[in-house]
Amino acid sequence: MSDLQKEVSELERKSATAARLFDIRRIIGGLFVVYGVIVTIAGITASDADLKKAEDININLWTGLGMLALGLFFLGWLWLRPVVAPGAEDEA
């Protein structure tokens, strides 16, 4: 293998790693999970005055659980359908 071919294969490997690392599903899913945990904890620790403001609906709890579900959906989607690097399709 020539030096040029080795360099090209190394760049393709780095490109595939970058594509997996910066997949938008990972970023969105991670952020929704983190914020979902925070909002769910805020909903669990809500006072009676907070519940009275929202007509006895614990909106923080329900919103936090929804955010957790959406974040886990994105991370599950990423796990079930990983990113395929542009050069890997030609080799397969």
Protein backbone atom coordinates (compact mmCIF):
# COMPACT_ATOMS: atom_id res chain seq x y z
CA MET A 1 0.00 0.00 0.00
CA SER A 2 1.40 3.40 -0.89
CA ASP A 3 1.70 6.28 1.53
CA LEU A 4 -1.10 8.12 -0.27
CA GLN A 5 -3.49 5.18 0.13
CA LYS A 6 -2.62 4.91 3.84
CA GLU A 7 -3.26 8.61 4.31
CA VAL A 8 -6.59 8.42 2.49
CA SER A 9 -7.75 5.44 4.58
CA GLU A 10 -6.72 7.25 7.77
CA LEU A 11 -8.71 10.33 6.75
CA GLU A 12 -11.74 8.17 5.92
CA ARG A 13 -11.53 6.55 9.37
CA LYS A 14 -11.35 9.97 11.05
CA SER A 15 -14.29 11.19 8.97
CA ALA A 16 -16.41 8.23 10.03
CA THR A 17 -15.54 8.85 13.67
CA ALA A 18 -16.46 12.54 13.37
CA ALA A 19 -19.76 11.65 11.67
CA ARG A 20 -20.71 9.36 14.56
CA LEU A 21 -19.52 11.81 17.21
CA PHE A 22 -21.41 14.83 15.89
CA ASP A 23 -24.64 13.04 14.96
CA ILE A 24 -27.48 15.45 15.80
CA ARG A 25 -29.52 12.64 17.37
CA ARG A 26 -26.86 12.16 20.04
CA ILE A 27 -26.79 15.87 20.87
CA ILE A 28 -30.57 16.34 20.95
CA GLY A 29 -31.17 13.10 22.83
CA GLY A 30 -28.52 13.88 25.42
CA LEU A 31 -29.80 17.39 26.03
CA PHE A 32 -33.41 16.23 26.35
CA VAL A 33 -32.42 13.52 28.82
CA VAL A 34 -30.39 15.94 30.97
CA TYR A 35 -33.07 18.64 30.99
CA GLY A 36 -35.78 16.02 31.44
CA VAL A 37 -34.12 14.75 34.60
CA ILE A 38 -33.84 18.32 35.94
CA VAL A 39 -37.47 19.19 35.19
CA THR A 40 -38.72 15.85 36.53
CA ILE A 41 -36.90 16.46 39.82
CA ALA A 42 -38.45 19.93 39.94
CA GLY A 43 -41.85 18.30 39.41
CA ILE A 44 -41.32 15.72 42.15
CA THR A 45 -40.31 18.41 44.64
CA ALA A 46 -43.11 20.83 43.70
CA SER A 47 -44.89 22.54 46.58
CA ASP A 48 -48.63 22.81 47.07
CA ALA A 49 -48.49 26.48 46.07
CA ASP A 50 -46.87 25.54 42.76
CA LEU A 51 -49.54 22.94 42.09
CA LYS A 52 -52.30 25.41 42.97
CA LYS A 53 -50.92 27.87 40.37
CA ALA A 54 -51.26 25.20 37.69
CA GLU A 55 -54.76 24.12 38.75
CA ASP A 56 -53.45 20.99 40.53
CA ILE A 57 -51.63 19.67 37.46
CA ASN A 58 -47.98 18.91 38.07
CA ILE A 59 -46.83 20.36 34.76
CA ASN A 60 -43.13 20.07 35.61
CA LEU A 61 -43.45 16.36 36.27
CA TRP A 62 -45.36 15.66 33.06
CA THR A 63 -43.10 17.88 30.95
CA GLY A 64 -40.00 16.29 32.47
CA LEU A 65 -41.27 12.79 31.77
CA GLY A 66 -42.11 13.80 28.20
CA MET A 67 -38.63 15.24 27.71
CA LEU A 68 -37.09 12.07 29.10
CA ALA A 69 -39.17 9.94 26.74
CA LEU A 70 -38.20 12.07 23.72
CA GLY A 71 -34.52 12.04 24.66
CA LEU A 72 -34.53 8.27 25.13
CA PHE A 73 -36.31 7.93 21.77
CA PHE A 74 -33.53 9.86 20.03
CA LEU A 75 -30.79 7.86 21.77
CA GLY A 76 -32.59 4.59 20.96
CA TRP A 77 -32.92 5.66 17.34
CA LEU A 78 -29.20 6.38 17.26
CA TRP A 79 -28.44 2.98 18.74
CA LEU A 80 -30.75 1.10 16.35
CA ARG A 81 -29.73 3.02 13.20
CA PRO A 82 -26.09 4.14 13.54
CA VAL A 83 -24.55 6.57 11.07
CA VAL A 84 -22.85 5.00 8.09
CA ALA A 85 -19.80 6.90 6.88
CA PRO A 86 -19.97 8.09 3.26
CA GLY A 87 -17.02 5.91 2.16
CA ALA A 88 -18.26 2.76 3.92
CA GLU A 89 -21.23 2.37 1.57
CA ASP A 90 -18.94 1.90 -1.42
CA GLU A 91 -16.88 -0.79 0.31
CA ALA A 92 -19.90 -2.82 1.46
